Amino acid sequence: MAEIVVTKENFDDEVRNYKGKVLLDLWAGWCGPCMMLAPIVEEIADEYDGEIKVGKINVDEQPELAMAFRAESIPMLVFVKDGVIQKTAVGYRPKEDILDMIGL
């Protein structure tokens, strides 16, 4: 499954009410570390299709969601399971650290 764009309009369906694992990447186009992290997040979405849903939240386009997650720094990764936040991480992370964070 490709990454999905998460917005305030689809957040409940895609994340809050979803039964399963979701990895959210909060990012912005002007953020260098976000651009470095993007291909890793995309790789995880492709490799673990069916095991985890991967969503992207552009903090410039979705300020309400950025505020809801208290995203003061980006990139920010949020691991959600069955609608409940399990873990968060701020800053660039290598793939192995992200997989450990989400239990894959």
PDB file of N, CA and C in Angstrom:
ATOM      1  N   MET A   1       0.860  -1.179   0.000  1.00  0.00           N
ATOM      2  CA  MET A   1       0.000   0.000   0.000  1.00  0.00           C
ATOM      3  C   MET A   1       0.901   1.235   0.000  1.00  0.00           C
ATOM      4  N   ALA A   2       0.565   2.144  -0.815  1.00  0.00           N
ATOM      5  CA  ALA A   2       1.307   3.408  -0.844  1.00  0.00           C
ATOM      6  C   ALA A   2       0.974   4.216   0.407  1.00  0.00           C
ATOM      7  N   GLU A   3       1.788   5.195   0.658  1.00  0.00           N
ATOM      8  CA  GLU A   3       1.511   6.096   1.766  1.00  0.00           C
ATOM      9  C   GLU A   3       0.201   6.829   1.473  1.00  0.00           C
ATOM     10  N   ILE A   4      -0.523   7.145   2.523  1.00  0.00           N
ATOM     11  CA  ILE A   4      -1.755   7.905   2.356  1.00  0.00           C
ATOM     12  C   ILE A   4      -1.548   9.313   2.907  1.00  0.00           C
ATOM     13  N   VAL A   5      -2.229  10.263   2.322  1.00  0.00           N
ATOM     14  CA  VAL A   5      -2.199  11.633   2.819  1.00  0.00           C
ATOM     15  C   VAL A   5      -3.289  11.746   3.866  1.00  0.00           C
ATOM     16  N   VAL A   6      -2.887  12.081   5.078  1.00  0.00           N
ATOM     17  CA  VAL A   6      -3.840  12.202   6.180  1.00  0.00           C
ATOM     18  C   VAL A   6      -4.178  13.678   6.368  1.00  0.00           C
ATOM     19  N   THR A   7      -5.475  13.954   6.414  1.00  0.00           N
ATOM     20  CA  THR A   7      -5.973  15.315   6.597  1.00  0.00           C
ATOM     21  C   THR A   7      -6.946  15.309   7.779  1.00  0.00           C
ATOM     22  N   LYS A   8      -7.356  16.497   8.201  1.00  0.00           N
ATOM     23  CA  LYS A   8      -8.338  16.538   9.293  1.00  0.00           C
ATOM     24  C   LYS A   8      -9.651  15.889   8.857  1.00  0.00           C
ATOM     25  N   GLU A   9      -9.928  15.916   7.557  1.00  0.00           N
ATOM     26  CA  GLU A   9     -11.169  15.335   7.046  1.00  0.00           C
ATOM     27  C   GLU A   9     -11.160  13.805   7.092  1.00  0.00           C
ATOM     28  N   ASN A  10     -10.014  13.172   6.851  1.00  0.00           N
ATOM     29  CA  ASN A  10      -9.995  11.709   6.824  1.00  0.00           C
ATOM     30  C   ASN A  10      -9.310  11.093   8.051  1.00  0.00           C
ATOM     31  N   PHE A  11      -8.890  11.915   8.998  1.00  0.00           N
ATOM     32  CA  PHE A  11      -8.140  11.429  10.156  1.00  0.00           C
ATOM     33  C   PHE A  11      -8.898  10.352  10.938  1.00  0.00           C
ATOM     34  N   ASP A  12     -10.171  10.576  11.213  1.00  0.00           N
ATOM     35  CA  ASP A  12     -10.929   9.594  11.994  1.00  0.00           C
ATOM     36  C   ASP A  12     -10.971   8.246  11.297  1.00  0.00           C
ATOM     37  N   ASP A  13     -11.274   8.232   9.996  1.00  0.00           N
ATOM     38  CA  ASP A  13     -11.360   6.971   9.260  1.00  0.00           C
ATOM     39  C   ASP A  13     -10.004   6.291   9.117  1.00  0.00           C
ATOM     40  N   GLU A  14      -8.981   7.074   8.800  1.00  0.00           N
ATOM     41  CA  GLU A  14      -7.668   6.490   8.499  1.00  0.00           C
ATOM     42  C   GLU A  14      -6.832   6.172   9.735  1.00  0.00           C
ATOM     43  N   VAL A  15      -7.062   6.885  10.842  1.00  0.00           N
ATOM     44  CA  VAL A  15      -6.195   6.725  12.013  1.00  0.00           C
ATOM     45  C   VAL A  15      -6.988   6.415  13.286  1.00  0.00           C
ATOM     46  N   ARG A  16      -7.804   7.343  13.722  1.00  0.00           N
ATOM     47  CA  ARG A  16      -8.465   7.205  15.031  1.00  0.00           C
ATOM     48  C   ARG A  16      -9.332   5.943  15.125  1.00  0.00           C
ATOM     49  N   ASN A  17     -10.095   5.633  14.103  1.00  0.00           N
ATOM     50  CA  ASN A  17     -11.005   4.484  14.152  1.00  0.00           C
ATOM     51  C   ASN A  17     -10.443   3.238  13.479  1.00  0.00           C
ATOM     52  N   TYR A  18      -9.204   3.302  13.027  1.00  0.00           N
ATOM     53  CA  TYR A  18      -8.586   2.175  12.325  1.00  0.00           C
ATOM     54  C   TYR A  18      -8.122   1.127  13.334  1.00  0.00           C
ATOM     55  N   LYS A  19      -8.494  -0.110  13.111  1.00  0.00           N
ATOM     56  CA  LYS A  19      -8.061  -1.220  13.973  1.00  0.00           C
ATOM     57  C   LYS A  19      -6.808  -1.822  13.351  1.00  0.00           C
ATOM     58  N   GLY A  20      -5.682  -1.449  13.909  1.00  0.00           N
ATOM     59  CA  GLY A  20      -4.411  -1.925  13.394  1.00  0.00           C
ATOM     60  C   GLY A  20      -3.335  -0.896  13.670  1.00  0.00           C
ATOM     61  N   LYS A  21      -2.179  -1.106  13.041  1.00  0.00           N
ATOM     62  CA  LYS A  21      -1.022  -0.241  13.245  1.00  0.00           C
ATOM     63  C   LYS A  21      -0.957   0.847  12.185  1.00  0.00           C
ATOM     64  N   VAL A  22      -0.639   2.058  12.636  1.00  0.00           N
ATOM     65  CA  VAL A  22      -0.477   3.192  11.729  1.00  0.00           C
ATOM     66  C   VAL A  22       0.806   3.923  12.106  1.00  0.00           C
ATOM     67  N   LEU A  23       1.625   4.204  11.107  1.00  0.00           N
ATOM     68  CA  LEU A  23       2.800   5.051  11.295  1.00  0.00           C
ATOM     69  C   LEU A  23       2.518   6.372  10.609  1.00  0.00           C
ATOM     70  N   LEU A  24       2.565   7.460  11.367  1.00  0.00           N
ATOM     71  CA  LEU A  24       2.331   8.785  10.811  1.00  0.00           C
ATOM     72  C   LEU A  24       3.650   9.544  10.724  1.00  0.00           C
ATOM     73  N   ASP A  25       3.864  10.183   9.596  1.00  0.00           N
ATOM     74  CA  ASP A  25       5.044  11.016   9.372  1.00  0.00           C
ATOM     75  C   ASP A  25       4.570  12.453   9.240  1.00  0.00           C
ATOM     76  N   LEU A  26       4.870  13.274  10.241  1.00  0.00           N
ATOM     77  CA  LEU A  26       4.543  14.702  10.189  1.00  0.00           C
ATOM     78  C   LEU A  26       5.737  15.421   9.599  1.00  0.00           C
ATOM     79  N   TRP A  27       5.514  16.168   8.518  1.00  0.00           N
ATOM     80  CA  TRP A  27       6.611  16.718   7.733  1.00  0.00           C
ATOM     81  C   TRP A  27       6.214  18.036   7.090  1.00  0.00           C
ATOM     82  N   ALA A  28       7.197  18.667   6.433  1.00  0.00           N
ATOM     83  CA  ALA A  28       6.965  19.873   5.621  1.00  0.00           C
ATOM     84  C   ALA A  28       7.992  19.872   4.490  1.00  0.00           C
ATOM     85  N   GLY A  29       7.609  20.480   3.384  1.00  0.00           N
ATOM     86  CA  GLY A  29       8.458  20.515   2.203  1.00  0.00           C
ATOM     87  C   GLY A  29       9.750  21.295   2.373  1.00  0.00           C
ATOM     88  N   TRP A  30       9.796  22.215   3.316  1.00  0.00           N
ATOM     89  CA  TRP A  30      10.979  23.045   3.535  1.00  0.00           C
ATOM     90  C   TRP A  30      11.952  22.418   4.533  1.00  0.00           C
ATOM     91  N   CYS A  31      11.600  21.265   5.081  1.00  0.00           N
ATOM     92  CA  CYS A  31      12.361  20.621   6.152  1.00  0.00           C
ATOM     93  C   CYS A  31      13.348  19.612   5.584  1.00  0.00           C
ATOM     94  N   GLY A  32      14.640  19.921   5.672  1.00  0.00           N
ATOM     95  CA  GLY A  32      15.680  19.038   5.150  1.00  0.00           C
ATOM     96  C   GLY A  32      15.651  17.639   5.744  1.00  0.00           C
ATOM     97  N   PRO A  33      15.630  17.499   7.081  1.00  0.00           N
ATOM     98  CA  PRO A  33      15.562  16.153   7.660  1.00  0.00           C
ATOM     99  C   PRO A  33      14.300  15.388   7.248  1.00  0.00           C
ATOM    100  N   CYS A  34      13.203  16.123   7.010  1.00  0.00           N
ATOM    101  CA  CYS A  34      11.970  15.469   6.537  1.00  0.00           C
ATOM    102  C   CYS A  34      12.199  14.834   5.168  1.00  0.00           C
ATOM    103  N   MET A  35      12.919  15.549   4.304  1.00  0.00           N
ATOM    104  CA  MET A  35      13.195  15.040   2.960  1.00  0.00           C
ATOM    105  C   MET A  35      14.132  13.829   3.026  1.00  0.00           C
ATOM    106  N   MET A  36      15.039  13.817   4.005  1.00  0.00           N
ATOM    107  CA  MET A  36      15.936  12.672   4.182  1.00  0.00           C
ATOM    108  C   MET A  36      15.158  11.456   4.697  1.00  0.00           C
ATOM    109  N   LEU A  37      14.155  11.687   5.516  1.00  0.00           N
ATOM    110  CA  LEU A  37      13.373  10.608   6.111  1.00  0.00           C
ATOM    111  C   LEU A  37      12.327  10.045   5.143  1.00  0.00           C
ATOM    112  N   ALA A  38      11.860  10.857   4.218  1.00  0.00           N
ATOM    113  CA  ALA A  38      10.759  10.473   3.327  1.00  0.00           C
ATOM    114  C   ALA A  38      10.994   9.149   2.597  1.00  0.00           C
ATOM    115  N   PRO A  39      12.167   8.912   1.979  1.00  0.00           N
ATOM    116  CA  PRO A  39      12.334   7.639   1.273  1.00  0.00           C
ATOM    117  C   PRO A  39      12.332   6.429   2.206  1.00  0.00           C
ATOM    118  N   ILE A  40      12.758   6.617   3.449  1.00  0.00           N
ATOM    119  CA  ILE A  40      12.736   5.516   4.419  1.00  0.00           C
ATOM    120  C   ILE A  40      11.295   5.173   4.780  1.00  0.00           C
ATOM    121  N   VAL A  41      10.491   6.201   5.009  1.00  0.00           N
ATOM    122  CA  VAL A  41       9.079   5.990   5.349  1.00  0.00           C
ATOM    123  C   VAL A  41       8.362   5.320   4.173  1.00  0.00           C
ATOM    124  N   GLU A  42       8.674   5.759   2.964  1.00  0.00           N
ATOM    125  CA  GLU A  42       8.067   5.159   1.768  1.00  0.00           C
ATOM    126  C   GLU A  42       8.462   3.692   1.637  1.00  0.00           C
ATOM    127  N   GLU A  43       9.719   3.397   1.916  1.00  0.00           N
ATOM    128  CA  GLU A  43      10.206   2.018   1.864  1.00  0.00           C
ATOM    129  C   GLU A  43       9.466   1.139   2.868  1.00  0.00           C
ATOM    130  N   ILE A  44       9.253   1.649   4.073  1.00  0.00           N
ATOM    131  CA  ILE A  44       8.517   0.903   5.092  1.00  0.00           C
ATOM    132  C   ILE A  44       7.083   0.653   4.627  1.00  0.00           C
ATOM    133  N   ALA A  45       6.463   1.664   4.021  1.00  0.00           N
ATOM    134  CA  ALA A  45       5.088   1.515   3.509  1.00  0.00           C
ATOM    135  C   ALA A  45       5.024   0.397   2.475  1.00  0.00           C
ATOM    136  N   ASP A  46       6.012   0.335   1.595  1.00  0.00           N
ATOM    137  CA  ASP A  46       6.028  -0.692   0.553  1.00  0.00           C
ATOM    138  C   ASP A  46       6.345  -2.075   1.112  1.00  0.00           C
ATOM    139  N   GLU A  47       7.356  -2.154   1.961  1.00  0.00           N
ATOM    140  CA  GLU A  47       7.819  -3.452   2.457  1.00  0.00           C
ATOM    141  C   GLU A  47       6.856  -4.094   3.447  1.00  0.00           C
ATOM    142  N   TYR A  48       6.135  -3.283   4.197  1.00  0.00           N
ATOM    143  CA  TYR A  48       5.267  -3.815   5.240  1.00  0.00           C
ATOM    144  C   TYR A  48       3.793  -3.595   4.922  1.00  0.00           C
ATOM    145  N   ASP A  49       3.495  -3.546   3.632  1.00  0.00           N
ATOM    146  CA  ASP A  49       2.115  -3.425   3.172  1.00  0.00           C
ATOM    147  C   ASP A  49       1.287  -4.563   3.761  1.00  0.00           C
ATOM    148  N   GLY A  50       0.166  -4.232   4.347  1.00  0.00           N
ATOM    149  CA  GLY A  50      -0.685  -5.237   4.963  1.00  0.00           C
ATOM    150  C   GLY A  50      -0.424  -5.395   6.454  1.00  0.00           C
ATOM    151  N   GLU A  51       0.766  -4.994   6.909  1.00  0.00           N
ATOM    152  CA  GLU A  51       1.089  -5.079   8.333  1.00  0.00           C
ATOM    153  C   GLU A  51       0.897  -3.737   9.027  1.00  0.00           C
ATOM    154  N   ILE A  52       1.137  -2.663   8.291  1.00  0.00           N
ATOM    155  CA  ILE A  52       1.031  -1.325   8.878  1.00  0.00           C
ATOM    156  C   ILE A  52       0.589  -0.332   7.809  1.00  0.00           C
ATOM    157  N   LYS A  53      -0.268   0.584   8.213  1.00  0.00           N
ATOM    158  CA  LYS A  53      -0.689   1.676   7.339  1.00  0.00           C
ATOM    159  C   LYS A  53       0.266   2.840   7.585  1.00  0.00           C
ATOM    160  N   VAL A  54       0.711   3.486   6.519  1.00  0.00           N
ATOM    161  CA  VAL A  54       1.630   4.615   6.657  1.00  0.00           C
ATOM    162  C   VAL A  54       0.951   5.868   6.124  1.00  0.00           C
ATOM    163  N   GLY A  55       0.886   6.885   6.978  1.00  0.00           N
ATOM    164  CA  GLY A  55       0.248   8.140   6.603  1.00  0.00           C
ATOM    165  C   GLY A  55       1.205   9.309   6.703  1.00  0.00           C
ATOM    166  N   LYS A  56       1.029  10.267   5.814  1.00  0.00           N
ATOM    167  CA  LYS A  56       1.844  11.484   5.798  1.00  0.00           C
ATOM    168  C   LYS A  56       0.944  12.665   6.163  1.00  0.00           C
ATOM    169  N   ILE A  57       1.425  13.498   7.080  1.00  0.00           N
ATOM    170  CA  ILE A  57       0.701  14.709   7.463  1.00  0.00           C
ATOM    171  C   ILE A  57       1.606  15.894   7.186  1.00  0.00           C
ATOM    172  N   ASN A  58       1.229  16.715   6.220  1.00  0.00           N
ATOM    173  CA  ASN A  58       1.971  17.944   5.931  1.00  0.00           C
ATOM    174  C   ASN A  58       1.533  18.984   6.956  1.00  0.00           C
ATOM    175  N   VAL A  59       2.465  19.370   7.836  1.00  0.00           N
ATOM    176  CA  VAL A  59       2.096  20.271   8.940  1.00  0.00           C
ATOM    177  C   VAL A  59       1.698  21.662   8.470  1.00  0.00           C
ATOM    178  N   ASP A  60       2.192  22.077   7.294  1.00  0.00           N
ATOM    179  CA  ASP A  60       1.803  23.382   6.756  1.00  0.00           C
ATOM    180  C   ASP A  60       0.372  23.362   6.241  1.00  0.00           C
ATOM    181  N   GLU A  61      -0.046  22.219   5.697  1.00  0.00           N
ATOM    182  CA  GLU A  61      -1.395  22.101   5.137  1.00  0.00           C
ATOM    183  C   GLU A  61      -2.418  21.643   6.178  1.00  0.00           C
ATOM    184  N   GLN A  62      -1.939  21.034   7.264  1.00  0.00           N
ATOM    185  CA  GLN A  62      -2.828  20.499   8.305  1.00  0.00           C
ATOM    186  C   GLN A  62      -2.409  21.004   9.688  1.00  0.00           C
ATOM    187  N   PRO A  63      -2.473  22.327   9.895  1.00  0.00           N
ATOM    188  CA  PRO A  63      -2.008  22.864  11.184  1.00  0.00           C
ATOM    189  C   PRO A  63      -2.803  22.343  12.380  1.00  0.00           C
ATOM    190  N   GLU A  64      -4.079  22.009  12.172  1.00  0.00           N
ATOM    191  CA  GLU A  64      -4.880  21.489  13.281  1.00  0.00           C
ATOM    192  C   GLU A  64      -4.333  20.151  13.768  1.00  0.00           C
ATOM    193  N   LEU A  65      -3.949  19.294  12.830  1.00  0.00           N
ATOM    194  CA  LEU A  65      -3.390  18.000  13.215  1.00  0.00           C
ATOM    195  C   LEU A  65      -2.010  18.182  13.847  1.00  0.00           C
ATOM    196  N   ALA A  66      -1.222  19.095  13.304  1.00  0.00           N
ATOM    197  CA  ALA A  66       0.096  19.359  13.887  1.00  0.00           C
ATOM    198  C   ALA A  66      -0.057  19.806  15.337  1.00  0.00           C
ATOM    199  N   MET A  67      -1.028  20.665  15.596  1.00  0.00           N
ATOM    200  CA  MET A  67      -1.275  21.126  16.961  1.00  0.00           C
ATOM    201  C   MET A  67      -1.788  19.985  17.836  1.00  0.00           C
ATOM    202  N   ALA A  68      -2.650  19.156  17.285  1.00  0.00           N
ATOM    203  CA  ALA A  68      -3.201  18.043  18.055  1.00  0.00           C
ATOM    204  C   ALA A  68      -2.099  17.075  18.498  1.00  0.00           C
ATOM    205  N   PHE A  69      -1.078  16.909  17.667  1.00  0.00           N
ATOM    206  CA  PHE A  69       0.052  16.036  18.008  1.00  0.00           C
ATOM    207  C   PHE A  69       1.166  16.791  18.736  1.00  0.00           C
ATOM    208  N   ARG A  70       0.956  18.075  18.980  1.00  0.00           N
ATOM    209  CA  ARG A  70       1.965  18.926  19.632  1.00  0.00           C
ATOM    210  C   ARG A  70       3.304  18.833  18.911  1.00  0.00           C
ATOM    211  N   ALA A  71       3.234  18.933  17.588  1.00  0.00           N
ATOM    212  CA  ALA A  71       4.427  18.823  16.750  1.00  0.00           C
ATOM    213  C   ALA A  71       5.170  20.153  16.739  1.00  0.00           C
ATOM    214  N   GLU A  72       6.065  20.311  17.693  1.00  0.00           N
ATOM    215  CA  GLU A  72       6.859  21.534  17.765  1.00  0.00           C
ATOM    216  C   GLU A  72       8.102  21.444  16.895  1.00  0.00           C
ATOM    217  N   SER A  73       8.544  20.215  16.616  1.00  0.00           N
ATOM    218  CA  SER A  73       9.687  19.978  15.746  1.00  0.00           C
ATOM    219  C   SER A  73       9.327  18.862  14.778  1.00  0.00           C
ATOM    220  N   ILE A  74       9.874  18.948  13.578  1.00  0.00           N
ATOM    221  CA  ILE A  74       9.650  17.918  12.577  1.00  0.00           C
ATOM    222  C   ILE A  74      10.992  17.533  11.969  1.00  0.00           C
ATOM    223  N   PRO A  75      11.099  16.361  11.387  1.00  0.00           N
ATOM    224  CA  PRO A  75      10.052  15.357  11.237  1.00  0.00           C
ATOM    225  C   PRO A  75       9.668  14.751  12.590  1.00  0.00           C
ATOM    226  N   MET A  76       8.420  14.348  12.639  1.00  0.00           N
ATOM    227  CA  MET A  76       7.901  13.678  13.831  1.00  0.00           C
ATOM    228  C   MET A  76       7.190  12.422  13.383  1.00  0.00           C
ATOM    229  N   LEU A  77       7.569  11.310  13.959  1.00  0.00           N
ATOM    230  CA  LEU A  77       6.915  10.041  13.670  1.00  0.00           C
ATOM    231  C   LEU A  77       6.024   9.685  14.847  1.00  0.00           C
ATOM    232  N   VAL A  78       4.820   9.227  14.535  1.00  0.00           N
ATOM    233  CA  VAL A  78       3.865   8.832  15.568  1.00  0.00           C
ATOM    234  C   VAL A  78       3.377   7.434  15.231  1.00  0.00           C
ATOM    235  N   PHE A  79       3.536   6.511  16.176  1.00  0.00           N
ATOM    236  CA  PHE A  79       3.045   5.153  16.009  1.00  0.00           C
ATOM    237  C   PHE A  79       1.730   5.028  16.760  1.00  0.00           C
ATOM    238  N   VAL A  80       0.675   4.667  16.030  1.00  0.00           N
ATOM    239  CA  VAL A  80      -0.672   4.534  16.589  1.00  0.00           C
ATOM    240  C   VAL A  80      -1.132   3.092  16.392  1.00  0.00           C
ATOM    241  N   LYS A  81      -1.690   2.507  17.429  1.00  0.00           N
ATOM    242  CA  LYS A  81      -2.247   1.153  17.317  1.00  0.00           C
ATOM    243  C   LYS A  81      -3.669   1.172  17.844  1.00  0.00           C
ATOM    244  N   ASP A  82      -4.584   0.735  17.009  1.00  0.00           N
ATOM    245  CA  ASP A  82      -6.004   0.711  17.366  1.00  0.00           C
ATOM    246  C   ASP A  82      -6.493   2.070  17.864  1.00  0.00           C
ATOM    247  N   GLY A  83      -6.015   3.135  17.221  1.00  0.00           N
ATOM    248  CA  GLY A  83      -6.470   4.489  17.527  1.00  0.00           C
ATOM    249  C   GLY A  83      -5.795   5.146  18.715  1.00  0.00           C
ATOM    250  N   VAL A  84      -4.825   4.468  19.338  1.00  0.00           N
ATOM    251  CA  VAL A  84      -4.160   5.001  20.523  1.00  0.00           C
ATOM    252  C   VAL A  84      -2.676   5.218  20.218  1.00  0.00           C
ATOM    253  N   ILE A  85      -2.174   6.402  20.541  1.00  0.00           N
ATOM    254  CA  ILE A  85      -0.759   6.692  20.323  1.00  0.00           C
ATOM    255  C   ILE A  85       0.073   5.797  21.238  1.00  0.00           C
ATOM    256  N   GLN A  86       1.034   5.096  20.630  1.00  0.00           N
ATOM    257  CA  GLN A  86       1.923   4.209  21.368  1.00  0.00           C
ATOM    258  C   GLN A  86       3.276   4.861  21.637  1.00  0.00           C
ATOM    259  N   LYS A  87       3.852   5.473  20.575  1.00  0.00           N
ATOM    260  CA  LYS A  87       5.174   6.073  20.691  1.00  0.00           C
ATOM    261  C   LYS A  87       5.300   7.222  19.714  1.00  0.00           C
ATOM    262  N   THR A  88       6.191   8.160  20.039  1.00  0.00           N
ATOM    263  CA  THR A  88       6.526   9.244  19.124  1.00  0.00           C
ATOM    264  C   THR A  88       8.046   9.389  19.079  1.00  0.00           C
ATOM    265  N   ALA A  89       8.526   9.935  17.978  1.00  0.00           N
ATOM    266  CA  ALA A  89       9.952  10.211  17.831  1.00  0.00           C
ATOM    267  C   ALA A  89      10.093  11.470  16.989  1.00  0.00           C
ATOM    268  N   VAL A  90      11.009  12.342  17.400  1.00  0.00           N
ATOM    269  CA  VAL A  90      11.240  13.587  16.680  1.00  0.00           C
ATOM    270  C   VAL A  90      12.638  13.556  16.091  1.00  0.00           C
ATOM    271  N   GLY A  91      12.736  14.010  14.842  1.00  0.00           N
ATOM    272  CA  GLY A  91      14.029  14.056  14.171  1.00  0.00           C
ATOM    273  C   GLY A  91      14.227  12.862  13.262  1.00  0.00           C
ATOM    274  N   TYR A  92      15.290  12.944  12.476  1.00  0.00           N
ATOM    275  CA  TYR A  92      15.624  11.861  11.559  1.00  0.00           C
ATOM    276  C   TYR A  92      15.935  10.592  12.345  1.00  0.00           C
ATOM    277  N   ARG A  93      15.475   9.468  11.842  1.00  0.00           N
ATOM    278  CA  ARG A  93      15.752   8.165  12.437  1.00  0.00           C
ATOM    279  C   ARG A  93      16.131   7.187  11.323  1.00  0.00           C
ATOM    280  N   PRO A  94      17.114   6.320  11.585  1.00  0.00           N
ATOM    281  CA  PRO A  94      17.397   5.278  10.606  1.00  0.00           C
ATOM    282  C   PRO A  94      16.259   4.258  10.572  1.00  0.00           C
ATOM    283  N   LYS A  95      16.175   3.545   9.489  1.00  0.00           N
ATOM    284  CA  LYS A  95      15.084   2.587   9.280  1.00  0.00           C
ATOM    285  C   LYS A  95      14.978   1.587  10.434  1.00  0.00           C
ATOM    286  N   GLU A  96      16.108   1.078  10.896  1.00  0.00           N
ATOM    287  CA  GLU A  96      16.086   0.069  11.968  1.00  0.00           C
ATOM    288  C   GLU A  96      15.426   0.614  13.229  1.00  0.00           C
ATOM    289  N   ASP A  97      15.703   1.876  13.555  1.00  0.00           N
ATOM    290  CA  ASP A  97      15.100   2.492  14.749  1.00  0.00           C
ATOM    291  C   ASP A  97      13.584   2.631  14.583  1.00  0.00           C
ATOM    292  N   ILE A  98      13.152   2.969  13.377  1.00  0.00           N
ATOM    293  CA  ILE A  98      11.707   3.127  13.130  1.00  0.00           C
ATOM    294  C   ILE A  98      11.025   1.761  13.238  1.00  0.00           C
ATOM    295  N   LEU A  99      11.628   0.740  12.664  1.00  0.00           N
ATOM    296  CA  LEU A  99      11.055  -0.605  12.738  1.00  0.00           C
ATOM    297  C   LEU A  99      10.972  -1.078  14.188  1.00  0.00           C
ATOM    298  N   ASP A 100      11.998  -0.790  14.991  1.00  0.00           N
ATOM    299  CA  ASP A 100      11.966  -1.137  16.408  1.00  0.00           C
ATOM    300  C   ASP A 100      10.832  -0.403  17.120  1.00  0.00           C
ATOM    301  N   MET A 101      10.681   0.873  16.781  1.00  0.00           N
ATOM    302  CA  MET A 101       9.639   1.701  17.401  1.00  0.00           C
ATOM    303  C   MET A 101       8.247   1.124  17.170  1.00  0.00           C
ATOM    304  N   ILE A 102       8.022   0.572  15.993  1.00  0.00           N
ATOM    305  CA  ILE A 102       6.689   0.082  15.645  1.00  0.00           C
ATOM    306  C   ILE A 102       6.560  -1.444  15.790  1.00  0.00           C
ATOM    307  N   GLY A 103       7.616  -2.077  16.281  1.00  0.00           N
ATOM    308  CA  GLY A 103       7.555  -3.503  16.544  1.00  0.00           C
ATOM    309  C   GLY A 103       7.569  -4.382  15.321  1.00  0.00           C
ATOM    310  N   LEU A 104       8.293  -3.968  14.293  1.00  0.00           N
ATOM    311  CA  LEU A 104       8.413  -4.786  13.072  1.00  0.00           C
ATOM    312  C   LEU A 104       9.840  -5.268  12.893  1.00  0.00           C
TER     313      LEU A 104
END
